[in-house]
């Protein structure tokens, strides 16, 4: 299989070596790390964080049947970007950009 061949046998993988589930997990990892500090939590994040699918916590792509984790990240790209920029979280920005460019 060439590196550009589309894979349809695995969920969340659109091209070889792109793991959209893991990319989304990395972005959520950073969200949770940043929002551990009360000063970075607001009403918006208080509503979003409880909607993180259980599949994220188990790191189980097969349990994320409706691709809800990737949808959560992609639908909050601008809010996540603002959060990571305001907190100078380069790791968060890198994870978000990778997720956005490869998967959203």
PDB file of N, CA and C in Angstrom:
ATOM      1  N   UNK A   1       0.840  -1.164   0.000  1.00  0.00           N
ATOM      2  CA  UNK A   1       0.000   0.000   0.000  1.00  0.00           C
ATOM      3  C   UNK A   1       0.891   1.234   0.000  1.00  0.00           C
ATOM      4  N   UNK A   2       0.656   2.149  -0.907  1.00  0.00           N
ATOM      5  CA  UNK A   2       1.468   3.360  -0.962  1.00  0.00           C
ATOM      6  C   UNK A   2       1.096   4.284   0.193  1.00  0.00           C
ATOM      7  N   UNK A   3       1.969   5.239   0.485  1.00  0.00           N
ATOM      8  CA  UNK A   3       1.729   6.125   1.628  1.00  0.00           C
ATOM      9  C   UNK A   3       0.572   7.080   1.382  1.00  0.00           C
ATOM     10  N   UNK A   4       0.136   7.258   0.155  1.00  0.00           N
ATOM     11  CA  UNK A   4      -0.971   8.156  -0.155  1.00  0.00           C
ATOM     12  C   UNK A   4      -2.274   7.429  -0.422  1.00  0.00           C
ATOM     13  N   UNK A   5      -2.265   6.134  -0.336  1.00  0.00           N
ATOM     14  CA  UNK A   5      -3.468   5.364  -0.627  1.00  0.00           C
ATOM     15  C   UNK A   5      -4.483   5.513   0.495  1.00  0.00           C
ATOM     16  N   UNK A   6      -5.709   5.738   0.109  1.00  0.00           N
ATOM     17  CA  UNK A   6      -6.770   5.887   1.097  1.00  0.00           C
ATOM     18  C   UNK A   6      -7.072   4.548   1.738  1.00  0.00           C
ATOM     19  N   UNK A   7      -7.218   4.579   3.075  1.00  0.00           N
ATOM     20  CA  UNK A   7      -7.541   3.364   3.811  1.00  0.00           C
ATOM     21  C   UNK A   7      -8.978   3.471   4.285  1.00  0.00           C
ATOM     22  N   UNK A   8      -9.763   2.486   3.953  1.00  0.00           N
ATOM     23  CA  UNK A   8     -11.149   2.494   4.390  1.00  0.00           C
ATOM     24  C   UNK A   8     -11.429   1.363   5.359  1.00  0.00           C
ATOM     25  N   UNK A   9     -10.409   0.599   5.694  1.00  0.00           N
ATOM     26  CA  UNK A   9     -10.600  -0.538   6.584  1.00  0.00           C
ATOM     27  C   UNK A   9     -10.489  -0.165   8.057  1.00  0.00           C
ATOM     28  N   UNK A  10      -9.970   0.999   8.365  1.00  0.00           N
ATOM     29  CA  UNK A  10      -9.815   1.415   9.749  1.00  0.00           C
ATOM     30  C   UNK A  10     -10.514   2.752   9.941  1.00  0.00           C
ATOM     31  N   UNK A  11     -11.243   2.853  11.036  1.00  0.00           N
ATOM     32  CA  UNK A  11     -11.921   4.099  11.339  1.00  0.00           C
ATOM     33  C   UNK A  11     -10.905   5.163  11.718  1.00  0.00           C
ATOM     34  N   UNK A  12     -11.227   6.396  11.445  1.00  0.00           N
ATOM     35  CA  UNK A  12     -10.407   7.548  11.779  1.00  0.00           C
ATOM     36  C   UNK A  12      -9.113   7.631  10.983  1.00  0.00           C
ATOM     37  N   UNK A  13      -8.846   6.720  10.108  1.00  0.00           N
ATOM     38  CA  UNK A  13      -7.614   6.776   9.338  1.00  0.00           C
ATOM     39  C   UNK A  13      -7.981   7.051   7.896  1.00  0.00           C
ATOM     40  N   UNK A  14      -7.680   8.245   7.434  1.00  0.00           N
ATOM     41  CA  UNK A  14      -8.023   8.590   6.077  1.00  0.00           C
ATOM     42  C   UNK A  14      -6.867   8.290   5.129  1.00  0.00           C
ATOM     43  N   UNK A  15      -5.672   8.437   5.585  1.00  0.00           N
ATOM     44  CA  UNK A  15      -4.490   8.105   4.815  1.00  0.00           C
ATOM     45  C   UNK A  15      -3.537   7.348   5.724  1.00  0.00           C
ATOM     46  N   UNK A  16      -2.681   6.580   5.141  1.00  0.00           N
ATOM     47  CA  UNK A  16      -1.716   5.826   5.921  1.00  0.00           C
ATOM     48  C   UNK A  16      -0.937   6.763   6.834  1.00  0.00           C
ATOM     49  N   UNK A  17      -0.758   6.331   8.056  1.00  0.00           N
ATOM     50  CA  UNK A  17       0.025   7.043   9.069  1.00  0.00           C
ATOM     51  C   UNK A  17      -0.627   8.320   9.601  1.00  0.00           C
ATOM     52  N   UNK A  18      -1.908   8.525   9.339  1.00  0.00           N
ATOM     53  CA  UNK A  18      -2.639   9.625   9.963  1.00  0.00           C
ATOM     54  C   UNK A  18      -3.660   8.997  10.893  1.00  0.00           C
ATOM     55  N   UNK A  19      -3.522   9.286  12.161  1.00  0.00           N
ATOM     56  CA  UNK A  19      -4.413   8.720  13.166  1.00  0.00           C
ATOM     57  C   UNK A  19      -5.234   9.854  13.770  1.00  0.00           C
ATOM     58  N   UNK A  20      -6.419  10.080  13.217  1.00  0.00           N
ATOM     59  CA  UNK A  20      -7.245  11.202  13.641  1.00  0.00           C
ATOM     60  C   UNK A  20      -7.755  11.044  15.069  1.00  0.00           C
ATOM     61  N   UNK A  21      -7.999   9.830  15.494  1.00  0.00           N
ATOM     62  CA  UNK A  21      -8.434   9.631  16.875  1.00  0.00           C
ATOM     63  C   UNK A  21      -7.331  10.074  17.829  1.00  0.00           C
ATOM     64  N   UNK A  22      -6.117   9.658  17.580  1.00  0.00           N
ATOM     65  CA  UNK A  22      -4.997  10.043  18.446  1.00  0.00           C
ATOM     66  C   UNK A  22      -4.744  11.546  18.363  1.00  0.00           C
ATOM     67  N   UNK A  23      -4.860  12.119  17.177  1.00  0.00           N
ATOM     68  CA  UNK A  23      -4.702  13.572  17.047  1.00  0.00           C
ATOM     69  C   UNK A  23      -5.725  14.303  17.907  1.00  0.00           C
ATOM     70  N   UNK A  24      -6.967  13.844  17.873  1.00  0.00           N
ATOM     71  CA  UNK A  24      -8.020  14.456  18.687  1.00  0.00           C
ATOM     72  C   UNK A  24      -7.726  14.258  20.168  1.00  0.00           C
ATOM     73  N   UNK A  25      -7.234  13.080  20.538  1.00  0.00           N
ATOM     74  CA  UNK A  25      -6.878  12.814  21.935  1.00  0.00           C
ATOM     75  C   UNK A  25      -5.799  13.768  22.421  1.00  0.00           C
ATOM     76  N   UNK A  26      -4.821  14.042  21.597  1.00  0.00           N
ATOM     77  CA  UNK A  26      -3.739  14.945  21.991  1.00  0.00           C
ATOM     78  C   UNK A  26      -4.257  16.359  22.229  1.00  0.00           C
ATOM     79  N   UNK A  27      -5.185  16.803  21.402  1.00  0.00           N
ATOM     80  CA  UNK A  27      -5.776  18.128  21.590  1.00  0.00           C
ATOM     81  C   UNK A  27      -6.581  18.177  22.889  1.00  0.00           C
ATOM     82  N   UNK A  28      -7.331  17.127  23.163  1.00  0.00           N
ATOM     83  CA  UNK A  28      -8.112  17.068  24.401  1.00  0.00           C
ATOM     84  C   UNK A  28      -7.189  16.939  25.614  1.00  0.00           C
ATOM     85  N   UNK A  29      -6.085  16.215  25.468  1.00  0.00           N
ATOM     86  CA  UNK A  29      -5.093  16.144  26.554  1.00  0.00           C
ATOM     87  C   UNK A  29      -4.679  17.549  26.979  1.00  0.00           C
ATOM     88  N   UNK A  30      -4.387  18.380  26.005  1.00  0.00           N
ATOM     89  CA  UNK A  30      -3.937  19.733  26.298  1.00  0.00           C
ATOM     90  C   UNK A  30      -5.062  20.582  26.872  1.00  0.00           C
ATOM     91  N   UNK A  31      -6.280  20.400  26.361  1.00  0.00           N
ATOM     92  CA  UNK A  31      -7.426  21.125  26.918  1.00  0.00           C
ATOM     93  C   UNK A  31      -7.563  20.821  28.404  1.00  0.00           C
ATOM     94  N   UNK A  32      -7.515  19.558  28.748  1.00  0.00           N
ATOM     95  CA  UNK A  32      -7.673  19.166  30.149  1.00  0.00           C
ATOM     96  C   UNK A  32      -6.514  19.652  31.009  1.00  0.00           C
ATOM     97  N   UNK A  33      -5.314  19.649  30.452  1.00  0.00           N
ATOM     98  CA  UNK A  33      -4.143  20.130  31.205  1.00  0.00           C
ATOM     99  C   UNK A  33      -4.267  21.625  31.493  1.00  0.00           C
ATOM    100  N   UNK A  34      -4.666  22.386  30.497  1.00  0.00           N
ATOM    101  CA  UNK A  34      -4.779  23.838  30.665  1.00  0.00           C
ATOM    102  C   UNK A  34      -5.908  24.191  31.622  1.00  0.00           C
ATOM    103  N   UNK A  35      -7.022  23.509  31.494  1.00  0.00           N
ATOM    104  CA  UNK A  35      -8.186  23.854  32.324  1.00  0.00           C
ATOM    105  C   UNK A  35      -8.109  23.279  33.738  1.00  0.00           C
ATOM    106  N   UNK A  36      -7.019  22.619  34.074  1.00  0.00           N
ATOM    107  CA  UNK A  36      -6.811  22.212  35.475  1.00  0.00           C
ATOM    108  C   UNK A  36      -6.645  23.445  36.358  1.00  0.00           C
ATOM    109  N   UNK A  37      -6.129  24.497  35.757  1.00  0.00           N
ATOM    110  CA  UNK A  37      -5.964  25.754  36.487  1.00  0.00           C
ATOM    111  C   UNK A  37      -7.278  26.534  36.387  1.00  0.00           C
ATOM    112  N   UNK A  38      -7.851  26.825  37.535  1.00  0.00           N
ATOM    113  CA  UNK A  38      -9.174  27.455  37.598  1.00  0.00           C
ATOM    114  C   UNK A  38      -9.259  28.756  36.805  1.00  0.00           C
ATOM    115  N   UNK A  39      -8.155  29.476  36.706  1.00  0.00           N
ATOM    116  CA  UNK A  39      -8.184  30.757  35.989  1.00  0.00           C
ATOM    117  C   UNK A  39      -8.450  30.603  34.490  1.00  0.00           C
ATOM    118  N   UNK A  40      -8.269  29.399  33.966  1.00  0.00           N
ATOM    119  CA  UNK A  40      -8.474  29.167  32.542  1.00  0.00           C
ATOM    120  C   UNK A  40      -9.803  28.493  32.230  1.00  0.00           C
ATOM    121  N   UNK A  41     -10.613  28.278  33.242  1.00  0.00           N
ATOM    122  CA  UNK A  41     -11.918  27.641  33.048  1.00  0.00           C
ATOM    123  C   UNK A  41     -12.980  28.729  33.032  1.00  0.00           C
ATOM    124  N   UNK A  42     -13.903  28.608  32.099  1.00  0.00           N
ATOM    125  CA  UNK A  42     -15.046  29.503  32.086  1.00  0.00           C
ATOM    126  C   UNK A  42     -16.303  28.653  31.885  1.00  0.00           C
ATOM    127  N   UNK A  43     -17.426  29.297  31.798  1.00  0.00           N
ATOM    128  CA  UNK A  43     -18.686  28.584  31.671  1.00  0.00           C
ATOM    129  C   UNK A  43     -18.701  27.702  30.415  1.00  0.00           C
ATOM    130  N   UNK A  44     -18.085  28.183  29.347  1.00  0.00           N
ATOM    131  CA  UNK A  44     -18.051  27.406  28.110  1.00  0.00           C
ATOM    132  C   UNK A  44     -17.348  26.069  28.327  1.00  0.00           C
ATOM    133  N   UNK A  45     -16.147  26.088  28.891  1.00  0.00           N
ATOM    134  CA  UNK A  45     -15.393  24.849  29.107  1.00  0.00           C
ATOM    135  C   UNK A  45     -16.056  23.964  30.151  1.00  0.00           C
ATOM    136  N   UNK A  46     -16.745  24.570  31.104  1.00  0.00           N
ATOM    137  CA  UNK A  46     -17.493  23.776  32.077  1.00  0.00           C
ATOM    138  C   UNK A  46     -18.597  22.964  31.414  1.00  0.00           C
ATOM    139  N   UNK A  47     -19.126  23.470  30.302  1.00  0.00           N
ATOM    140  CA  UNK A  47     -20.169  22.751  29.550  1.00  0.00           C
ATOM    141  C   UNK A  47     -19.567  21.750  28.558  1.00  0.00           C
ATOM    142  N   UNK A  48     -18.411  22.069  27.995  1.00  0.00           N
ATOM    143  CA  UNK A  48     -17.801  21.225  26.965  1.00  0.00           C
ATOM    144  C   UNK A  48     -17.120  19.991  27.575  1.00  0.00           C
ATOM    145  N   UNK A  49     -16.369  20.171  28.626  1.00  0.00           N
ATOM    146  CA  UNK A  49     -15.570  19.078  29.187  1.00  0.00           C
ATOM    147  C   UNK A  49     -16.402  17.843  29.532  1.00  0.00           C
ATOM    148  N   UNK A  50     -17.584  17.992  30.122  1.00  0.00           N
ATOM    149  CA  UNK A  50     -18.380  16.786  30.409  1.00  0.00           C
ATOM    150  C   UNK A  50     -18.872  16.048  29.155  1.00  0.00           C
ATOM    151  N   UNK A  51     -18.791  16.684  28.001  1.00  0.00           N
ATOM    152  CA  UNK A  51     -19.231  16.025  26.762  1.00  0.00           C
ATOM    153  C   UNK A  51     -18.125  15.219  26.094  1.00  0.00           C
ATOM    154  N   UNK A  52     -16.929  15.228  26.662  1.00  0.00           N
ATOM    155  CA  UNK A  52     -15.838  14.436  26.095  1.00  0.00           C
ATOM    156  C   UNK A  52     -16.246  12.962  26.154  1.00  0.00           C
ATOM    157  N   UNK A  53     -16.231  12.290  25.006  1.00  0.00           N
ATOM    158  CA  UNK A  53     -16.669  10.888  24.973  1.00  0.00           C
ATOM    159  C   UNK A  53     -15.817   9.977  25.859  1.00  0.00           C
ATOM    160  N   UNK A  54     -16.443   8.964  26.399  1.00  0.00           N
ATOM    161  CA  UNK A  54     -15.741   7.996  27.247  1.00  0.00           C
ATOM    162  C   UNK A  54     -14.602   7.320  26.490  1.00  0.00           C
ATOM    163  N   UNK A  55     -14.749   7.201  25.194  1.00  0.00           N
ATOM    164  CA  UNK A  55     -13.703   6.571  24.383  1.00  0.00           C
ATOM    165  C   UNK A  55     -12.365   7.297  24.542  1.00  0.00           C
ATOM    166  N   UNK A  56     -12.414   8.597  24.763  1.00  0.00           N
ATOM    167  CA  UNK A  56     -11.172   9.354  24.970  1.00  0.00           C
ATOM    168  C   UNK A  56     -10.447   8.853  26.215  1.00  0.00           C
ATOM    169  N   UNK A  57     -11.186   8.729  27.302  1.00  0.00           N
ATOM    170  CA  UNK A  57     -10.581   8.340  28.580  1.00  0.00           C
ATOM    171  C   UNK A  57     -10.030   6.918  28.535  1.00  0.00           C
ATOM    172  N   UNK A  58     -10.637   6.075  27.721  1.00  0.00           N
ATOM    173  CA  UNK A  58     -10.167   4.693  27.557  1.00  0.00           C
ATOM    174  C   UNK A  58      -9.190   4.554  26.394  1.00  0.00           C
ATOM    175  N   UNK A  59      -9.018   5.616  25.628  1.00  0.00           N
ATOM    176  CA  UNK A  59      -8.208   5.601  24.404  1.00  0.00           C
ATOM    177  C   UNK A  59      -8.631   4.433  23.501  1.00  0.00           C
ATOM    178  N   UNK A  60      -9.943   4.316  23.334  1.00  0.00           N
ATOM    179  CA  UNK A  60     -10.516   3.204  22.579  1.00  0.00           C
ATOM    180  C   UNK A  60     -11.241   3.721  21.341  1.00  0.00           C
ATOM    181  N   UNK A  61     -10.547   3.706  20.225  1.00  0.00           N
ATOM    182  CA  UNK A  61     -11.120   4.216  18.987  1.00  0.00           C
ATOM    183  C   UNK A  61     -12.377   3.446  18.574  1.00  0.00           C
ATOM    184  N   UNK A  62     -12.417   2.178  18.856  1.00  0.00           N
ATOM    185  CA  UNK A  62     -13.579   1.375  18.469  1.00  0.00           C
ATOM    186  C   UNK A  62     -14.819   1.739  19.280  1.00  0.00           C
ATOM    187  N   UNK A  63     -14.625   2.250  20.473  1.00  0.00           N
ATOM    188  CA  UNK A  63     -15.763   2.652  21.303  1.00  0.00           C
ATOM    189  C   UNK A  63     -16.336   3.999  20.867  1.00  0.00           C
ATOM    190  N   UNK A  64     -15.579   4.731  20.092  1.00  0.00           N
ATOM    191  CA  UNK A  64     -16.011   6.047  19.620  1.00  0.00           C
ATOM    192  C   UNK A  64     -16.738   5.889  18.289  1.00  0.00           C
ATOM    193  N   UNK A  65     -17.854   5.204  18.313  1.00  0.00           N
ATOM    194  CA  UNK A  65     -18.548   4.757  17.111  1.00  0.00           C
ATOM    195  C   UNK A  65     -19.006   5.875  16.188  1.00  0.00           C
ATOM    196  N   UNK A  66     -19.354   6.994  16.723  1.00  0.00           N
ATOM    197  CA  UNK A  66     -19.856   8.086  15.885  1.00  0.00           C
ATOM    198  C   UNK A  66     -18.805   9.165  15.649  1.00  0.00           C
ATOM    199  N   UNK A  67     -17.571   8.847  15.886  1.00  0.00           N
ATOM    200  CA  UNK A  67     -16.463   9.782  15.702  1.00  0.00           C
ATOM    201  C   UNK A  67     -16.709  11.077  16.469  1.00  0.00           C
ATOM    202  N   UNK A  68     -17.282  10.927  17.636  1.00  0.00           N
ATOM    203  CA  UNK A  68     -17.671  12.093  18.432  1.00  0.00           C
ATOM    204  C   UNK A  68     -16.475  12.884  18.948  1.00  0.00           C
ATOM    205  N   UNK A  69     -15.375  12.227  19.229  1.00  0.00           N
ATOM    206  CA  UNK A  69     -14.213  12.943  19.755  1.00  0.00           C
ATOM    207  C   UNK A  69     -13.645  13.888  18.697  1.00  0.00           C
ATOM    208  N   UNK A  70     -13.466  13.402  17.504  1.00  0.00           N
ATOM    209  CA  UNK A  70     -12.958  14.248  16.428  1.00  0.00           C
ATOM    210  C   UNK A  70     -13.930  15.385  16.143  1.00  0.00           C
ATOM    211  N   UNK A  71     -15.211  15.092  16.156  1.00  0.00           N
ATOM    212  CA  UNK A  71     -16.224  16.129  15.945  1.00  0.00           C
ATOM    213  C   UNK A  71     -16.122  17.189  17.038  1.00  0.00           C
ATOM    214  N   UNK A  72     -15.942  16.770  18.282  1.00  0.00           N
ATOM    215  CA  UNK A  72     -15.830  17.711  19.394  1.00  0.00           C
ATOM    216  C   UNK A  72     -14.653  18.659  19.178  1.00  0.00           C
ATOM    217  N   UNK A  73     -13.515  18.120  18.799  1.00  0.00           N
ATOM    218  CA  UNK A  73     -12.336  18.956  18.568  1.00  0.00           C
ATOM    219  C   UNK A  73     -12.557  19.877  17.376  1.00  0.00           C
ATOM    220  N   UNK A  74     -13.017  19.322  16.274  1.00  0.00           N
ATOM    221  CA  UNK A  74     -13.179  20.125  15.053  1.00  0.00           C
ATOM    222  C   UNK A  74     -14.234  21.220  15.212  1.00  0.00           C
ATOM    223  N   UNK A  75     -15.262  20.961  15.974  1.00  0.00           N
ATOM    224  CA  UNK A  75     -16.307  21.965  16.151  1.00  0.00           C
ATOM    225  C   UNK A  75     -15.910  23.042  17.164  1.00  0.00           C
ATOM    226  N   UNK A  76     -14.807  22.834  17.851  1.00  0.00           N
ATOM    227  CA  UNK A  76     -14.325  23.810  18.825  1.00  0.00           C
ATOM    228  C   UNK A  76     -12.947  24.352  18.488  1.00  0.00           C
ATOM    229  N   UNK A  77     -12.536  24.213  17.243  1.00  0.00           N
ATOM    230  CA  UNK A  77     -11.179  24.614  16.838  1.00  0.00           C
ATOM    231  C   UNK A  77     -10.866  26.048  17.246  1.00  0.00           C
ATOM    232  N   UNK A  78     -11.752  26.957  16.958  1.00  0.00           N
ATOM    233  CA  UNK A  78     -11.447  28.368  17.223  1.00  0.00           C
ATOM    234  C   UNK A  78     -11.393  28.666  18.725  1.00  0.00           C
ATOM    235  N   UNK A  79     -12.248  28.011  19.486  1.00  0.00           N
ATOM    236  CA  UNK A  79     -12.231  28.208  20.939  1.00  0.00           C
ATOM    237  C   UNK A  79     -10.985  27.582  21.557  1.00  0.00           C
ATOM    238  N   UNK A  80     -10.623  26.402  21.074  1.00  0.00           N
ATOM    239  CA  UNK A  80      -9.405  25.750  21.559  1.00  0.00           C
ATOM    240  C   UNK A  80      -8.178  26.573  21.198  1.00  0.00           C
ATOM    241  N   UNK A  81      -8.152  27.070  19.979  1.00  0.00           N
ATOM    242  CA  UNK A  81      -7.019  27.882  19.549  1.00  0.00           C
ATOM    243  C   UNK A  81      -6.881  29.121  20.435  1.00  0.00           C
ATOM    244  N   UNK A  82      -7.987  29.766  20.717  1.00  0.00           N
ATOM    245  CA  UNK A  82      -7.956  30.946  21.580  1.00  0.00           C
ATOM    246  C   UNK A  82      -7.450  30.589  22.980  1.00  0.00           C
ATOM    247  N   UNK A  83      -7.931  29.487  23.528  1.00  0.00           N
ATOM    248  CA  UNK A  83      -7.494  29.037  24.845  1.00  0.00           C
ATOM    249  C   UNK A  83      -5.998  28.772  24.864  1.00  0.00           C
ATOM    250  N   UNK A  84      -5.512  28.034  23.876  1.00  0.00           N
ATOM    251  CA  UNK A  84      -4.089  27.695  23.834  1.00  0.00           C
ATOM    252  C   UNK A  84      -3.224  28.929  23.590  1.00  0.00           C
ATOM    253  N   UNK A  85      -3.703  29.854  22.770  1.00  0.00           N
ATOM    254  CA  UNK A  85      -2.943  31.086  22.544  1.00  0.00           C
ATOM    255  C   UNK A  85      -2.891  31.934  23.810  1.00  0.00           C
ATOM    256  N   UNK A  86      -4.027  32.063  24.479  1.00  0.00           N
ATOM    257  CA  UNK A  86      -4.089  32.894  25.688  1.00  0.00           C
ATOM    258  C   UNK A  86      -3.263  32.330  26.839  1.00  0.00           C
ATOM    259  N   UNK A  87      -3.018  31.034  26.812  1.00  0.00           N
ATOM    260  CA  UNK A  87      -2.238  30.403  27.883  1.00  0.00           C
ATOM    261  C   UNK A  87      -0.815  30.071  27.432  1.00  0.00           C
ATOM    262  N   UNK A  88      -0.454  30.517  26.237  1.00  0.00           N
ATOM    263  CA  UNK A  88       0.877  30.254  25.670  1.00  0.00           C
ATOM    264  C   UNK A  88       1.203  28.764  25.671  1.00  0.00           C
ATOM    265  N   UNK A  89       0.212  27.958  25.338  1.00  0.00           N
ATOM    266  CA  UNK A  89       0.392  26.502  25.315  1.00  0.00           C
ATOM    267  C   UNK A  89       0.763  26.063  23.898  1.00  0.00           C
ATOM    268  N   UNK A  90       2.054  26.057  23.632  1.00  0.00           N
ATOM    269  CA  UNK A  90       2.546  25.670  22.299  1.00  0.00           C
ATOM    270  C   UNK A  90       2.223  24.217  21.974  1.00  0.00           C
ATOM    271  N   UNK A  91       2.298  23.345  22.974  1.00  0.00           N
ATOM    272  CA  UNK A  91       1.977  21.935  22.748  1.00  0.00           C
ATOM    273  C   UNK A  91       0.511  21.789  22.347  1.00  0.00           C
ATOM    274  N   UNK A  92      -0.353  22.573  22.968  1.00  0.00           N
ATOM    275  CA  UNK A  92      -1.768  22.554  22.615  1.00  0.00           C
ATOM    276  C   UNK A  92      -1.994  23.059  21.206  1.00  0.00           C
ATOM    277  N   UNK A  93      -1.335  24.146  20.856  1.00  0.00           N
ATOM    278  CA  UNK A  93      -1.462  24.680  19.499  1.00  0.00           C
ATOM    279  C   UNK A  93      -0.950  23.687  18.463  1.00  0.00           C
ATOM    280  N   UNK A  94       0.164  23.044  18.752  1.00  0.00           N
ATOM    281  CA  UNK A  94       0.712  22.052  17.832  1.00  0.00           C
ATOM    282  C   UNK A  94      -0.249  20.878  17.656  1.00  0.00           C
ATOM    283  N   UNK A  95      -0.794  20.381  18.766  1.00  0.00           N
ATOM    284  CA  UNK A  95      -1.732  19.256  18.694  1.00  0.00           C
ATOM    285  C   UNK A  95      -2.991  19.657  17.926  1.00  0.00           C
ATOM    286  N   UNK A  96      -3.483  20.845  18.191  1.00  0.00           N
ATOM    287  CA  UNK A  96      -4.693  21.318  17.513  1.00  0.00           C
ATOM    288  C   UNK A  96      -4.450  21.502  16.023  1.00  0.00           C
ATOM    289  N   UNK A  97      -3.339  22.106  15.671  1.00  0.00           N
ATOM    290  CA  UNK A  97      -3.031  22.319  14.244  1.00  0.00           C
ATOM    291  C   UNK A  97      -2.890  20.993  13.504  1.00  0.00           C
ATOM    292  N   UNK A  98      -2.246  20.045  14.137  1.00  0.00           N
ATOM    293  CA  UNK A  98      -2.095  18.736  13.499  1.00  0.00           C
ATOM    294  C   UNK A  98      -3.461  18.091  13.288  1.00  0.00           C
ATOM    295  N   UNK A  99      -4.278  18.138  14.312  1.00  0.00           N
ATOM    296  CA  UNK A  99      -5.622  17.559  14.215  1.00  0.00           C
ATOM    297  C   UNK A  99      -6.419  18.270  13.122  1.00  0.00           C
ATOM    298  N   UNK A 100      -6.360  19.581  13.139  1.00  0.00           N
ATOM    299  CA  UNK A 100      -7.123  20.379  12.170  1.00  0.00           C
ATOM    300  C   UNK A 100      -6.639  20.136  10.740  1.00  0.00           C
ATOM    301  N   UNK A 101      -5.341  20.162  10.534  1.00  0.00           N
ATOM    302  CA  UNK A 101      -4.807  20.010   9.182  1.00  0.00           C
ATOM    303  C   UNK A 101      -4.983  18.606   8.630  1.00  0.00           C
ATOM    304  N   UNK A 102      -4.819  17.613   9.470  1.00  0.00           N
ATOM    305  CA  UNK A 102      -4.889  16.231   8.985  1.00  0.00           C
ATOM    306  C   UNK A 102      -6.280  15.648   9.007  1.00  0.00           C
ATOM    307  N   UNK A 103      -7.165  16.185   9.858  1.00  0.00           N
ATOM    308  CA  UNK A 103      -8.411  15.452  10.096  1.00  0.00           C
ATOM    309  C   UNK A 103      -9.700  16.267   9.980  1.00  0.00           C
ATOM    310  N   UNK A 104      -9.679  17.539  10.325  1.00  0.00           N
ATOM    311  CA  UNK A 104     -10.923  18.313  10.339  1.00  0.00           C
ATOM    312  C   UNK A 104     -11.338  18.742   8.942  1.00  0.00           C
TER     313      UNK A 104
END
